[in-house]
Amino acid sequence: MIEVAIFVEGQNGLNWENWRRIARATEDLGFVGLYRSDHFTNMQPPDIDSLELWVSLAWLADHTSRIEFGPLVTPLSFRNPVFTARTAKDVDELSNGRLTLGLGAGWQEREHEMFGFELLEPEPRFDRFEEGVEVVYRLLREPQPVSFTGQYSRLQEASLLPRPADAGRPPIMIGGRGWNRTLPLTAQFADEWNCGFRSAEVFARLNARLNTLLEQAGRQPTEVRRSLANTTIFGRDERELRRKIEARGLTPDRLAQLGVIHGTGPQIVDQLGHYQAAGVQRVMLQWLELDDLDGLAALAEAVLA
């Protein structure tokens, strides 16, 4: 069966109070994991509470015992790859091996402008991302000191100690949908691929492309887990569902066109079945109603069974 996790937006009103409650609820309700975005702000004002990613994950590692977790994803446009690898290995050890290190190239212009980070144009941005992924990979996977000379990163006999107890930890997830650069990079370095906000049909095409690239790289398709993060609108009944859809200024037909997971419990279960048939092994359901734990419990009851 497809695994079901929860995904929250760390810049969309997340603070310590609701983070603690969501983490405990996610674990108690039986979801397989809890993931969160890594942003300073939303794309548009007004700015609201935004909890720093790695501080929140370190707390999660030490205050939960079962759920898997990680960034979905942390952008190497404002995260140094060396510090990212170093922090990730230590948070993973603190959690007894429950972290997945999700990496992305970065995309949101507003936060980069506000805080003085260079987003770069798409081509050099991805050049930087490719270098950063290789630096993270080699620091976490290679037992010998690492030397690396690139345009954006330089290492000279560098080691991160202590080494992870498990040579394969933490697993590296690459998020994105790029046919020519993201998927080949995933085939080379990743343990998991995450596709965001797309229909089952689109996912299936990208998934087939990744399988081909893995075979060309001499890897088995089973070596890379396939996951999907998607907007989710859940209603305990048709009336509540209709109210939530209308509040977003959308229609059910438009949501279907966008590939948004939406519906009452049975309808969402049916949609998850389509994603599973397309190759999704784990789905991260985006939960934007950070204070609605009753709704989260109803979602668990409707979907996890």
Protein backbone atom coordinates (compact mmCIF):
# COMPACT_ATOMS: atom_id res chain seq x y z
CA MET A 1 0.00 0.00 0.00
CA ILE A 2 1.04 3.58 -0.56
CA GLU A 3 2.56 5.23 2.52
CA VAL A 4 0.90 8.44 3.72
CA ALA A 5 2.81 11.30 5.37
CA ILE A 6 1.96 14.90 6.25
CA PHE A 7 3.64 17.95 4.72
CA VAL A 8 3.39 21.47 6.18
CA GLU A 9 4.61 24.83 4.93
CA GLY A 10 7.18 26.11 7.40
CA GLN A 11 6.70 29.76 6.39
CA ASN A 12 2.91 29.74 6.43
CA GLY A 13 2.21 30.46 10.09
CA LEU A 14 4.32 27.70 11.65
CA ASN A 15 5.51 28.43 15.18
CA TRP A 16 6.64 26.37 18.15
CA GLU A 17 3.15 25.95 19.57
CA ASN A 18 1.54 24.47 16.49
CA TRP A 19 4.70 22.59 15.44
CA ARG A 20 4.74 20.68 18.72
CA ARG A 21 1.05 19.83 18.39
CA ILE A 22 1.28 18.79 14.74
CA ALA A 23 4.34 16.60 15.39
CA ARG A 24 2.68 14.75 18.25
CA ALA A 25 -0.57 14.35 16.34
CA THR A 26 1.21 13.04 13.22
CA GLU A 27 2.98 10.41 15.27
CA ASP A 28 -0.02 9.44 17.39
CA LEU A 29 -2.42 9.23 14.43
CA GLY A 30 -0.27 6.77 12.52
CA PHE A 31 1.06 8.78 9.59
CA VAL A 32 4.40 7.46 8.35
CA GLY A 33 6.16 10.81 8.41
CA LEU A 34 6.14 14.59 8.78
CA TYR A 35 7.87 16.84 6.27
CA ARG A 36 8.09 20.62 5.97
CA SER A 37 9.20 23.24 3.49
CA ASP A 38 12.24 25.47 4.01
CA HIS A 39 11.34 29.10 3.28
CA PHE A 40 11.69 32.46 4.98
CA THR A 41 8.45 33.83 3.56
CA ASN A 42 5.50 33.13 1.32
CA MET A 43 5.57 34.35 -2.27
CA GLN A 44 3.23 37.23 -1.41
CA PRO A 45 2.79 39.37 1.72
CA PRO A 46 1.67 39.64 4.42
CA ASP A 47 4.49 37.83 6.18
CA ILE A 48 3.48 35.53 9.02
CA ASP A 49 5.20 33.15 11.43
CA SER A 50 8.03 31.11 9.91
CA LEU A 51 9.91 28.52 11.95
CA GLU A 52 13.57 27.85 11.06
CA LEU A 53 13.94 24.47 9.40
CA TRP A 54 16.90 22.75 11.04
CA VAL A 55 16.12 23.97 14.55
CA SER A 56 12.61 22.55 14.19
CA LEU A 57 13.91 19.23 12.82
CA ALA A 58 16.42 18.86 15.65
CA TRP A 59 13.53 19.29 18.11
CA LEU A 60 11.49 16.75 16.15
CA ALA A 61 14.34 14.24 16.20
CA ASP A 62 14.49 14.36 19.99
CA HIS A 63 10.76 14.58 20.76
CA THR A 64 9.33 11.86 18.52
CA SER A 65 10.23 8.20 18.28
CA ARG A 66 8.59 6.71 15.19
CA ILE A 67 7.83 9.10 12.33
CA GLU A 68 10.26 9.77 9.52
CA PHE A 69 10.84 13.41 8.62
CA GLY A 70 12.89 15.90 6.68
CA PRO A 71 12.97 19.05 4.57
CA LEU A 72 10.80 19.09 1.47
CA VAL A 73 13.15 20.48 0.33
CA THR A 74 16.03 22.58 1.64
CA PRO A 75 17.31 24.98 -1.08
CA LEU A 76 21.03 25.02 -1.76
CA SER A 77 20.51 28.57 -3.03
CA PHE A 78 20.65 29.78 0.57
CA ARG A 79 21.92 26.68 2.40
CA ASN A 80 25.65 26.00 2.26
CA PRO A 81 26.10 22.36 1.17
CA VAL A 82 28.83 21.66 3.72
CA PHE A 83 26.76 22.90 6.65
CA THR A 84 23.72 21.14 5.21
CA ALA A 85 25.53 17.80 5.16
CA ARG A 86 27.00 18.36 8.61
CA THR A 87 23.70 19.34 10.19
CA ALA A 88 21.78 16.55 8.47
CA LYS A 89 24.08 13.77 9.64
CA ASP A 90 23.85 14.97 13.24
CA VAL A 91 20.06 15.40 13.21
CA ASP A 92 19.75 11.95 11.65
CA GLU A 93 21.86 10.41 14.41
CA LEU A 94 19.83 12.22 17.07
CA SER A 95 16.67 10.69 15.60
CA ASN A 96 18.11 7.15 15.39
CA GLY A 97 18.03 7.22 11.62
CA ARG A 98 14.67 8.79 10.70
CA LEU A 99 15.77 11.81 8.62
CA THR A 100 15.58 12.05 4.84
CA LEU A 101 17.70 14.91 3.49
CA GLY A 102 15.62 16.62 0.82
CA LEU A 103 17.59 18.95 -1.47
CA GLY A 104 16.40 21.50 -4.03
CA ALA A 105 17.84 24.23 -6.23
CA GLY A 106 15.68 27.05 -4.83
CA TRP A 107 13.01 28.98 -6.67
CA GLN A 108 11.24 31.67 -4.65
CA GLU A 109 12.49 35.08 -5.76
CA ARG A 110 10.95 37.16 -2.96
CA GLU A 111 12.78 35.53 -0.06
CA HIS A 112 16.11 35.69 -1.84
CA GLU A 113 15.70 39.39 -2.54
CA MET A 114 14.55 40.13 1.02
CA PHE A 115 17.46 38.41 2.74
CA GLY A 116 20.26 39.04 0.26
CA PHE A 117 20.78 35.62 -1.29
CA GLU A 118 21.56 35.20 -4.99
CA LEU A 119 18.94 33.00 -6.62
CA LEU A 120 20.70 33.21 -10.02
CA GLU A 121 19.19 32.56 -13.42
CA PRO A 122 17.97 29.00 -14.02
CA GLU A 123 21.08 27.61 -15.76
CA PRO A 124 23.73 28.82 -13.27
CA ARG A 125 21.34 28.10 -10.41
CA PHE A 126 21.23 24.48 -11.45
CA ASP A 127 24.99 24.41 -12.01
CA ARG A 128 25.34 25.47 -8.38
CA PHE A 129 22.78 22.87 -7.32
CA GLU A 130 24.59 20.06 -9.12
CA GLU A 131 27.85 21.01 -7.42
CA GLY A 132 26.11 21.24 -4.04
CA VAL A 133 24.48 17.83 -4.37
CA GLU A 134 27.81 16.25 -5.24
CA VAL A 135 29.48 17.93 -2.24
CA VAL A 136 26.74 16.71 0.11
CA TYR A 137 26.85 13.21 -1.37
CA ARG A 138 30.61 12.85 -1.14
CA LEU A 139 30.86 14.24 2.39
CA LEU A 140 28.18 11.82 3.59
CA ARG A 141 29.13 8.74 1.57
CA GLU A 142 32.88 8.70 0.98
CA PRO A 143 34.95 7.31 3.87
CA GLN A 144 38.10 9.17 2.84
CA PRO A 145 38.66 12.96 3.08
CA VAL A 146 37.08 14.80 0.17
CA SER A 147 38.70 17.27 -2.19
CA PHE A 148 36.54 19.14 -4.66
CA THR A 149 37.11 22.16 -6.87
CA GLY A 150 34.11 23.77 -8.51
CA GLN A 151 32.80 27.21 -9.31
CA TYR A 152 30.68 27.41 -6.15
CA SER A 153 32.30 24.93 -3.73
CA ARG A 154 35.87 24.04 -2.79
CA LEU A 155 37.01 21.32 -0.41
CA GLN A 156 40.53 20.28 0.53
CA GLU A 157 40.84 16.93 2.31
CA ALA A 158 37.57 17.61 4.15
CA SER A 159 35.91 15.16 6.54
CA LEU A 160 32.79 15.39 8.68
CA LEU A 161 33.30 13.56 11.96
CA PRO A 162 31.98 11.48 13.48
CA ARG A 163 31.00 9.55 10.40
CA PRO A 164 27.38 8.35 10.17
CA ALA A 165 27.05 4.98 11.90
CA ASP A 166 25.29 3.67 8.78
CA ALA A 167 27.25 4.32 5.59
CA GLY A 168 24.02 4.96 3.69
CA ARG A 169 22.62 7.59 6.03
CA PRO A 170 20.98 9.94 5.84
CA PRO A 171 19.27 9.09 2.53
CA ILE A 172 19.33 11.92 0.00
CA MET A 173 16.10 13.03 -1.65
CA ILE A 174 16.11 15.27 -4.71
CA GLY A 175 12.97 17.26 -5.36
CA GLY A 176 11.95 18.48 -8.80
CA ARG A 177 10.53 17.60 -12.19
CA GLY A 178 13.22 18.66 -14.64
CA TRP A 179 13.48 16.20 -17.53
CA ASN A 180 17.02 17.09 -18.59
CA ARG A 181 18.80 18.00 -15.36
CA THR A 182 16.84 17.09 -12.20
CA LEU A 183 16.05 13.52 -13.16
CA PRO A 184 19.61 12.70 -14.39
CA LEU A 185 21.00 14.18 -11.16
CA THR A 186 18.54 12.04 -9.20
CA ALA A 187 19.65 8.93 -11.05
CA GLN A 188 23.28 9.69 -10.17
CA PHE A 189 23.08 10.67 -6.51
CA ALA A 190 19.66 10.24 -4.89
CA ASP A 191 18.06 7.60 -2.71
CA GLU A 192 14.62 9.14 -3.22
CA TRP A 193 12.95 11.29 -5.84
CA ASN A 194 10.12 13.64 -4.89
CA CYS A 195 7.78 15.06 -7.49
CA GLY A 196 5.69 17.99 -6.34
CA PHE A 197 2.16 19.03 -7.28
CA ARG A 198 1.47 17.01 -10.39
CA SER A 199 -1.21 14.58 -11.57
CA ALA A 200 -0.78 10.81 -11.57
CA GLU A 201 -0.48 10.89 -15.36
CA VAL A 202 2.39 13.39 -15.30
CA PHE A 203 4.07 11.49 -12.48
CA ALA A 204 3.93 8.26 -14.48
CA ARG A 205 5.74 9.85 -17.45
CA LEU A 206 8.46 11.34 -15.24
CA ASN A 207 8.78 8.07 -13.35
CA ALA A 208 9.34 6.12 -16.55
CA ARG A 209 12.04 8.61 -17.54
CA LEU A 210 13.78 8.12 -14.18
CA ASN A 211 13.68 4.33 -14.57
CA THR A 212 15.45 4.64 -17.92
CA LEU A 213 18.09 6.98 -16.48
CA LEU A 214 18.73 4.67 -13.53
CA GLU A 215 19.29 1.73 -15.83
CA GLN A 216 21.69 3.83 -17.93
CA ALA A 217 23.57 4.74 -14.73
CA GLY A 218 23.90 1.06 -13.78
CA ARG A 219 21.43 1.28 -10.92
CA GLN A 220 18.28 -0.71 -10.27
CA PRO A 221 14.99 1.25 -10.29
CA THR A 222 14.27 -0.20 -6.82
CA GLU A 223 17.26 1.71 -5.42
CA VAL A 224 15.35 5.02 -5.52
CA ARG A 225 12.11 5.52 -3.60
CA ARG A 226 9.41 7.50 -5.42
CA SER A 227 7.40 10.07 -3.48
CA LEU A 228 4.95 12.84 -4.23
CA ALA A 229 4.05 16.02 -2.36
CA ASN A 230 0.72 17.51 -3.29
CA THR A 231 -1.84 20.09 -2.29
CA THR A 232 -4.65 18.41 -0.37
CA ILE A 233 -8.19 19.60 0.29
CA PHE A 234 -10.05 17.24 2.61
CA GLY A 235 -13.65 17.47 3.74
CA ARG A 236 -15.29 15.26 6.31
CA ASP A 237 -18.43 15.49 4.17
CA GLU A 238 -19.47 17.05 0.87
CA ARG A 239 -20.63 20.24 2.54
CA GLU A 240 -17.30 20.90 4.23
CA LEU A 241 -15.43 19.97 1.07
CA ARG A 242 -17.49 22.40 -1.01
CA ARG A 243 -16.88 25.19 1.50
CA LYS A 244 -13.11 24.66 1.42
CA ILE A 245 -12.96 24.56 -2.37
CA GLU A 246 -15.06 27.70 -2.73
CA ALA A 247 -12.89 29.50 -0.17
CA ARG A 248 -9.96 29.04 -2.56
CA GLY A 249 -11.95 30.39 -5.49
CA LEU A 250 -11.75 27.10 -7.36
CA THR A 251 -14.03 24.37 -8.67
CA PRO A 252 -13.74 20.57 -8.49
CA ASP A 253 -13.10 20.46 -12.24
CA ARG A 254 -10.29 22.97 -11.96
CA LEU A 255 -8.75 21.05 -9.05
CA ALA A 256 -8.82 17.89 -11.15
CA GLN A 257 -7.07 19.72 -13.98
CA LEU A 258 -4.38 20.93 -11.58
CA GLY A 259 -3.88 17.45 -10.14
CA VAL A 260 -4.83 18.55 -6.61
CA ILE A 261 -5.75 15.73 -4.23
CA HIS A 262 -9.21 16.63 -2.97
CA GLY A 263 -12.36 15.04 -1.66
CA THR A 264 -13.93 13.21 1.22
CA GLY A 265 -12.09 10.22 2.63
CA PRO A 266 -13.19 7.65 0.02
CA GLN A 267 -12.51 10.08 -2.82
CA ILE A 268 -8.99 10.78 -1.58
CA VAL A 269 -8.33 7.07 -1.13
CA ASP A 270 -9.40 6.53 -4.75
CA GLN A 271 -7.04 9.27 -5.96
CA LEU A 272 -4.17 7.81 -3.94
CA GLY A 273 -4.82 4.53 -5.71
CA HIS A 274 -4.20 6.24 -9.06
CA TYR A 275 -0.91 7.64 -7.76
CA GLN A 276 0.13 4.25 -6.48
CA ALA A 277 -0.57 2.73 -9.89
CA ALA A 278 1.62 5.47 -11.42
CA GLY A 279 4.54 4.43 -9.20
CA VAL A 280 4.22 6.61 -6.08
CA GLN A 281 5.41 4.76 -2.97
CA ARG A 282 4.95 7.57 -0.44
CA VAL A 283 2.67 10.60 -0.62
CA MET A 284 3.12 13.75 1.47
CA LEU A 285 -0.30 15.35 1.88
CA GLN A 286 0.03 19.11 2.26
CA TRP A 287 -1.82 20.24 5.40
CA LEU A 288 -2.22 24.01 5.45
CA GLU A 289 -4.72 24.23 8.34
CA LEU A 290 -2.08 24.19 11.04
CA ASP A 291 -4.51 24.63 13.93
CA ASP A 292 -7.09 22.07 12.74
CA LEU A 293 -5.95 18.93 14.51
CA ASP A 294 -9.50 17.57 14.56
CA GLY A 295 -9.45 17.70 10.76
CA LEU A 296 -6.07 16.00 10.70
CA ALA A 297 -7.45 13.23 12.91
CA ALA A 298 -10.46 12.84 10.62
CA LEU A 299 -8.12 12.62 7.62
CA ALA A 300 -6.12 9.89 9.34
CA GLU A 301 -9.24 7.92 10.18
CA ALA A 302 -10.55 8.23 6.63
CA VAL A 303 -7.33 7.53 4.73
CA LEU A 304 -4.99 5.39 6.78
CA ALA A 305 -7.46 2.56 7.32
